[in-house]
């Protein structure tokens, strides 16, 4: 028996109230491959991210994780709770009060700071949030504001793009 597709996951504009706080359900440990790959793929030539001998001579004594990777990772950790159905409009006030190193595990915490109806897209709303990334020692490693736009629940497209299987996969 096949059941109907589950409703589209994620929150909609109606689901946000200023003061709501969302904490990521999972943490993510940063690996050396994450840092080197992201640094190289973005053409970042700062040796503090990929040259161990160079990094050992700095005040930190070891390679720093690329700050843009930290921003991307912490943003990603918030998506399931905040913006799975959204269009990102802005990042602002990005502050990195503590360094991130390979082996650190990061979690995200996001507070809704404001909501309003979209002036240009009927049935959509704008959500402002403040997010911080926290490491395994409880230190804040990044803080930023973010603004995204998403539909009201009654306006959301219920699209199921999964194909029907060509054959039965169950064992007989």
C-alpha atoms as a PDB file:
ATOM      1  CA  UNK A   1       0.000   0.000   0.000  1.00  0.00           C
ATOM      2  CA  UNK A   2       1.321   3.437  -0.903  1.00  0.00           C
ATOM      3  CA  UNK A   3       0.423   6.395   1.245  1.00  0.00           C
ATOM      4  CA  UNK A   4       0.101   9.985   0.141  1.00  0.00           C
ATOM      5  CA  UNK A   5       3.159  12.198   0.359  1.00  0.00           C
ATOM      6  CA  UNK A   6       3.767  13.878   3.690  1.00  0.00           C
ATOM      7  CA  UNK A   7       3.074  17.601   3.749  1.00  0.00           C
ATOM      8  CA  UNK A   8       6.035  19.754   2.860  1.00  0.00           C
ATOM      9  CA  UNK A   9       8.372  19.926   5.840  1.00  0.00           C
ATOM     10  CA  UNK A  10       9.468  23.097   7.566  1.00  0.00           C
ATOM     11  CA  UNK A  11       7.877  26.174   9.034  1.00  0.00           C
ATOM     12  CA  UNK A  12       5.908  28.886   7.285  1.00  0.00           C
ATOM     13  CA  UNK A  13       5.511  32.587   8.032  1.00  0.00           C
ATOM     14  CA  UNK A  14       2.528  31.880  10.310  1.00  0.00           C
ATOM     15  CA  UNK A  15       4.759  29.745  12.547  1.00  0.00           C
ATOM     16  CA  UNK A  16       7.037  32.574  13.737  1.00  0.00           C
ATOM     17  CA  UNK A  17       6.543  34.931  16.683  1.00  0.00           C
ATOM     18  CA  UNK A  18       9.110  37.439  17.927  1.00  0.00           C
ATOM     19  CA  UNK A  19      10.855  35.949  20.946  1.00  0.00           C
ATOM     20  CA  UNK A  20      10.748  32.359  19.665  1.00  0.00           C
ATOM     21  CA  UNK A  21      14.089  30.594  20.172  1.00  0.00           C
ATOM     22  CA  UNK A  22      15.189  27.564  18.173  1.00  0.00           C
ATOM     23  CA  UNK A  23      18.211  25.423  19.104  1.00  0.00           C
ATOM     24  CA  UNK A  24      19.633  23.071  16.507  1.00  0.00           C
ATOM     25  CA  UNK A  25      18.843  19.447  17.223  1.00  0.00           C
ATOM     26  CA  UNK A  26      22.263  18.313  16.054  1.00  0.00           C
ATOM     27  CA  UNK A  27      25.813  19.568  16.311  1.00  0.00           C
ATOM     28  CA  UNK A  28      28.442  19.282  13.593  1.00  0.00           C
ATOM     29  CA  UNK A  29      32.139  18.618  14.149  1.00  0.00           C
ATOM     30  CA  UNK A  30      34.418  20.539  11.786  1.00  0.00           C
ATOM     31  CA  UNK A  31      36.968  18.344  10.010  1.00  0.00           C
ATOM     32  CA  UNK A  32      40.270  19.221   8.395  1.00  0.00           C
ATOM     33  CA  UNK A  33      38.787  18.223   5.033  1.00  0.00           C
ATOM     34  CA  UNK A  34      35.896  20.677   5.550  1.00  0.00           C
ATOM     35  CA  UNK A  35      38.286  23.533   6.215  1.00  0.00           C
ATOM     36  CA  UNK A  36      40.822  22.841   3.470  1.00  0.00           C
ATOM     37  CA  UNK A  37      38.191  22.014   0.847  1.00  0.00           C
ATOM     38  CA  UNK A  38      36.076  25.109   1.576  1.00  0.00           C
ATOM     39  CA  UNK A  39      39.169  27.329   1.674  1.00  0.00           C
ATOM     40  CA  UNK A  40      40.481  26.021  -1.638  1.00  0.00           C
ATOM     41  CA  UNK A  41      37.146  25.905  -3.481  1.00  0.00           C
ATOM     42  CA  UNK A  42      36.537  29.563  -2.554  1.00  0.00           C
ATOM     43  CA  UNK A  43      40.057  30.569  -3.663  1.00  0.00           C
ATOM     44  CA  UNK A  44      40.942  31.912  -0.204  1.00  0.00           C
ATOM     45  CA  UNK A  45      44.714  32.298  -0.162  1.00  0.00           C
ATOM     46  CA  UNK A  46      45.078  32.938   3.582  1.00  0.00           C
ATOM     47  CA  UNK A  47      47.631  30.351   4.701  1.00  0.00           C
ATOM     48  CA  UNK A  48      46.289  30.429   8.258  1.00  0.00           C
ATOM     49  CA  UNK A  49      43.596  28.032   6.974  1.00  0.00           C
ATOM     50  CA  UNK A  50      45.666  25.408   5.125  1.00  0.00           C
ATOM     51  CA  UNK A  51      49.392  25.728   5.895  1.00  0.00           C
ATOM     52  CA  UNK A  52      50.150  24.078   9.247  1.00  0.00           C
ATOM     53  CA  UNK A  53      53.729  25.405   9.444  1.00  0.00           C
ATOM     54  CA  UNK A  54      52.493  28.945   8.793  1.00  0.00           C
ATOM     55  CA  UNK A  55      49.590  28.617  11.252  1.00  0.00           C
ATOM     56  CA  UNK A  56      51.877  27.259  14.000  1.00  0.00           C
ATOM     57  CA  UNK A  57      53.833  30.535  13.817  1.00  0.00           C
ATOM     58  CA  UNK A  58      50.692  32.613  14.472  1.00  0.00           C
ATOM     59  CA  UNK A  59      49.245  33.549  17.857  1.00  0.00           C
ATOM     60  CA  UNK A  60      46.746  30.668  17.532  1.00  0.00           C
ATOM     61  CA  UNK A  61      49.442  28.032  16.978  1.00  0.00           C
ATOM     62  CA  UNK A  62      47.291  25.966  14.625  1.00  0.00           C
ATOM     63  CA  UNK A  63      45.124  26.465  11.531  1.00  0.00           C
ATOM     64  CA  UNK A  64      41.974  28.554  11.892  1.00  0.00           C
ATOM     65  CA  UNK A  65      38.754  27.333  10.309  1.00  0.00           C
ATOM     66  CA  UNK A  66      37.708  29.550   7.413  1.00  0.00           C
ATOM     67  CA  UNK A  67      35.218  32.104   8.765  1.00  0.00           C
ATOM     68  CA  UNK A  68      32.981  31.812   5.697  1.00  0.00           C
ATOM     69  CA  UNK A  69      32.725  28.062   6.348  1.00  0.00           C
ATOM     70  CA  UNK A  70      31.694  28.833   9.924  1.00  0.00           C
ATOM     71  CA  UNK A  71      28.984  31.204   8.652  1.00  0.00           C
ATOM     72  CA  UNK A  72      27.736  28.624   6.139  1.00  0.00           C
ATOM     73  CA  UNK A  73      27.757  25.759   8.651  1.00  0.00           C
ATOM     74  CA  UNK A  74      25.932  27.643  11.398  1.00  0.00           C
ATOM     75  CA  UNK A  75      23.394  28.940   8.876  1.00  0.00           C
ATOM     76  CA  UNK A  76      22.889  25.385   7.664  1.00  0.00           C
ATOM     77  CA  UNK A  77      22.307  24.158  11.203  1.00  0.00           C
ATOM     78  CA  UNK A  78      19.365  26.604  11.453  1.00  0.00           C
ATOM     79  CA  UNK A  79      17.580  25.682   8.222  1.00  0.00           C
ATOM     80  CA  UNK A  80      15.443  22.823   9.564  1.00  0.00           C
ATOM     81  CA  UNK A  81      14.067  25.099  12.278  1.00  0.00           C
ATOM     82  CA  UNK A  82      13.779  28.388  10.431  1.00  0.00           C
ATOM     83  CA  UNK A  83      14.185  28.648   6.695  1.00  0.00           C
ATOM     84  CA  UNK A  84      13.556  25.343   4.952  1.00  0.00           C
ATOM     85  CA  UNK A  85      10.762  27.009   2.945  1.00  0.00           C
ATOM     86  CA  UNK A  86      12.377  30.438   2.738  1.00  0.00           C
ATOM     87  CA  UNK A  87      14.282  32.661   0.391  1.00  0.00           C
ATOM     88  CA  UNK A  88      17.286  34.213   2.117  1.00  0.00           C
ATOM     89  CA  UNK A  89      17.417  38.010   1.801  1.00  0.00           C
ATOM     90  CA  UNK A  90      20.225  39.227   4.062  1.00  0.00           C
ATOM     91  CA  UNK A  91      22.994  38.453   6.497  1.00  0.00           C
ATOM     92  CA  UNK A  92      24.082  41.333   8.709  1.00  0.00           C
ATOM     93  CA  UNK A  93      26.302  42.191  11.643  1.00  0.00           C
ATOM     94  CA  UNK A  94      28.475  39.076  11.365  1.00  0.00           C
ATOM     95  CA  UNK A  95      30.734  38.956  14.430  1.00  0.00           C
ATOM     96  CA  UNK A  96      33.218  36.218  15.324  1.00  0.00           C
ATOM     97  CA  UNK A  97      34.192  36.635  18.989  1.00  0.00           C
ATOM     98  CA  UNK A  98      36.113  33.328  19.280  1.00  0.00           C
ATOM     99  CA  UNK A  99      38.088  31.253  16.767  1.00  0.00           C
ATOM    100  CA  UNK A 100      36.981  27.903  15.375  1.00  0.00           C
ATOM    101  CA  UNK A 101      39.483  25.068  15.004  1.00  0.00           C
ATOM    102  CA  UNK A 102      39.352  21.650  13.360  1.00  0.00           C
ATOM    103  CA  UNK A 103      37.729  19.283  15.851  1.00  0.00           C
ATOM    104  CA  UNK A 104      35.345  21.881  17.276  1.00  0.00           C
ATOM    105  CA  UNK A 105      31.674  20.892  17.290  1.00  0.00           C
ATOM    106  CA  UNK A 106      29.194  23.665  16.597  1.00  0.00           C
ATOM    107  CA  UNK A 107      25.497  24.092  17.404  1.00  0.00           C
ATOM    108  CA  UNK A 108      23.185  26.965  16.480  1.00  0.00           C
ATOM    109  CA  UNK A 109      20.677  28.981  18.454  1.00  0.00           C
ATOM    110  CA  UNK A 110      18.304  31.383  16.700  1.00  0.00           C
ATOM    111  CA  UNK A 111      15.941  33.988  18.141  1.00  0.00           C
ATOM    112  CA  UNK A 112      13.146  35.540  16.092  1.00  0.00           C
ATOM    113  CA  UNK A 113      13.533  39.314  16.462  1.00  0.00           C
ATOM    114  CA  UNK A 114      10.743  40.473  14.150  1.00  0.00           C
ATOM    115  CA  UNK A 115       8.114  39.509  11.608  1.00  0.00           C
ATOM    116  CA  UNK A 116       6.104  41.477   9.071  1.00  0.00           C
ATOM    117  CA  UNK A 117       3.981  40.912   6.002  1.00  0.00           C
ATOM    118  CA  UNK A 118       5.791  41.315   2.703  1.00  0.00           C
ATOM    119  CA  UNK A 119       4.900  44.570   0.980  1.00  0.00           C
ATOM    120  CA  UNK A 120       5.679  43.194  -2.478  1.00  0.00           C
ATOM    121  CA  UNK A 121       4.548  39.546  -2.314  1.00  0.00           C
ATOM    122  CA  UNK A 122       1.004  38.920  -1.090  1.00  0.00           C
ATOM    123  CA  UNK A 123       0.778  35.783   1.040  1.00  0.00           C
ATOM    124  CA  UNK A 124       4.432  36.003   2.062  1.00  0.00           C
ATOM    125  CA  UNK A 125       6.133  37.395   5.148  1.00  0.00           C
ATOM    126  CA  UNK A 126       9.545  38.603   6.259  1.00  0.00           C
ATOM    127  CA  UNK A 127      11.256  37.130   9.331  1.00  0.00           C
ATOM    128  CA  UNK A 128      14.236  38.723  11.106  1.00  0.00           C
ATOM    129  CA  UNK A 129      16.396  36.516  13.308  1.00  0.00           C
ATOM    130  CA  UNK A 130      19.554  36.683  15.374  1.00  0.00           C
ATOM    131  CA  UNK A 131      21.691  33.528  15.318  1.00  0.00           C
ATOM    132  CA  UNK A 132      24.739  32.455  17.224  1.00  0.00           C
ATOM    133  CA  UNK A 133      27.011  29.478  16.788  1.00  0.00           C
ATOM    134  CA  UNK A 134      28.224  27.823  19.978  1.00  0.00           C
ATOM    135  CA  UNK A 135      31.132  25.391  20.319  1.00  0.00           C
ATOM    136  CA  UNK A 136      31.460  22.372  22.608  1.00  0.00           C
ATOM    137  CA  UNK A 137      32.824  24.599  25.390  1.00  0.00           C
ATOM    138  CA  UNK A 138      29.719  26.826  25.274  1.00  0.00           C
ATOM    139  CA  UNK A 139      31.657  29.698  23.681  1.00  0.00           C
ATOM    140  CA  UNK A 140      29.968  31.831  21.053  1.00  0.00           C
ATOM    141  CA  UNK A 141      32.066  31.593  17.881  1.00  0.00           C
ATOM    142  CA  UNK A 142      29.801  33.553  15.522  1.00  0.00           C
ATOM    143  CA  UNK A 143      26.783  35.851  15.770  1.00  0.00           C
ATOM    144  CA  UNK A 144      24.795  37.311  12.910  1.00  0.00           C
ATOM    145  CA  UNK A 145      21.480  38.737  11.877  1.00  0.00           C
ATOM    146  CA  UNK A 146      19.552  37.191   9.022  1.00  0.00           C
ATOM    147  CA  UNK A 147      16.408  38.108   7.128  1.00  0.00           C
ATOM    148  CA  UNK A 148      14.402  35.675   5.037  1.00  0.00           C
ATOM    149  CA  UNK A 149      11.063  35.629   3.254  1.00  0.00           C
ATOM    150  CA  UNK A 150       8.653  32.715   3.267  1.00  0.00           C
ATOM    151  CA  UNK A 151       5.060  32.002   2.387  1.00  0.00           C
ATOM    152  CA  UNK A 152       2.100  31.711   4.688  1.00  0.00           C
ATOM    153  CA  UNK A 153       1.021  28.113   5.169  1.00  0.00           C
ATOM    154  CA  UNK A 154      -2.093  28.545   2.972  1.00  0.00           C
ATOM    155  CA  UNK A 155       0.051  29.986   0.162  1.00  0.00           C
ATOM    156  CA  UNK A 156       2.768  27.327   0.212  1.00  0.00           C
ATOM    157  CA  UNK A 157       3.239  25.142  -2.810  1.00  0.00           C
ATOM    158  CA  UNK A 158       2.711  21.473  -1.992  1.00  0.00           C
ATOM    159  CA  UNK A 159       5.043  19.973  -4.545  1.00  0.00           C
ATOM    160  CA  UNK A 160       6.056  16.344  -4.517  1.00  0.00           C
ATOM    161  CA  UNK A 161       8.791  15.780  -7.082  1.00  0.00           C
ATOM    162  CA  UNK A 162       9.649  12.246  -6.044  1.00  0.00           C
ATOM    163  CA  UNK A 163       9.289   9.811  -8.948  1.00  0.00           C
ATOM    164  CA  UNK A 164       7.132   6.707  -8.812  1.00  0.00           C
ATOM    165  CA  UNK A 165       9.312   3.579  -8.598  1.00  0.00           C
ATOM    166  CA  UNK A 166       9.702   1.656 -11.851  1.00  0.00           C
ATOM    167  CA  UNK A 167       9.493  -1.664 -10.018  1.00  0.00           C
ATOM    168  CA  UNK A 168       8.567  -3.114  -6.652  1.00  0.00           C
ATOM    169  CA  UNK A 169      11.618  -3.147  -4.361  1.00  0.00           C
ATOM    170  CA  UNK A 170      10.129  -5.247  -1.571  1.00  0.00           C
ATOM    171  CA  UNK A 171      11.390  -8.755  -1.004  1.00  0.00           C
ATOM    172  CA  UNK A 172       8.912 -11.509  -1.656  1.00  0.00           C
END
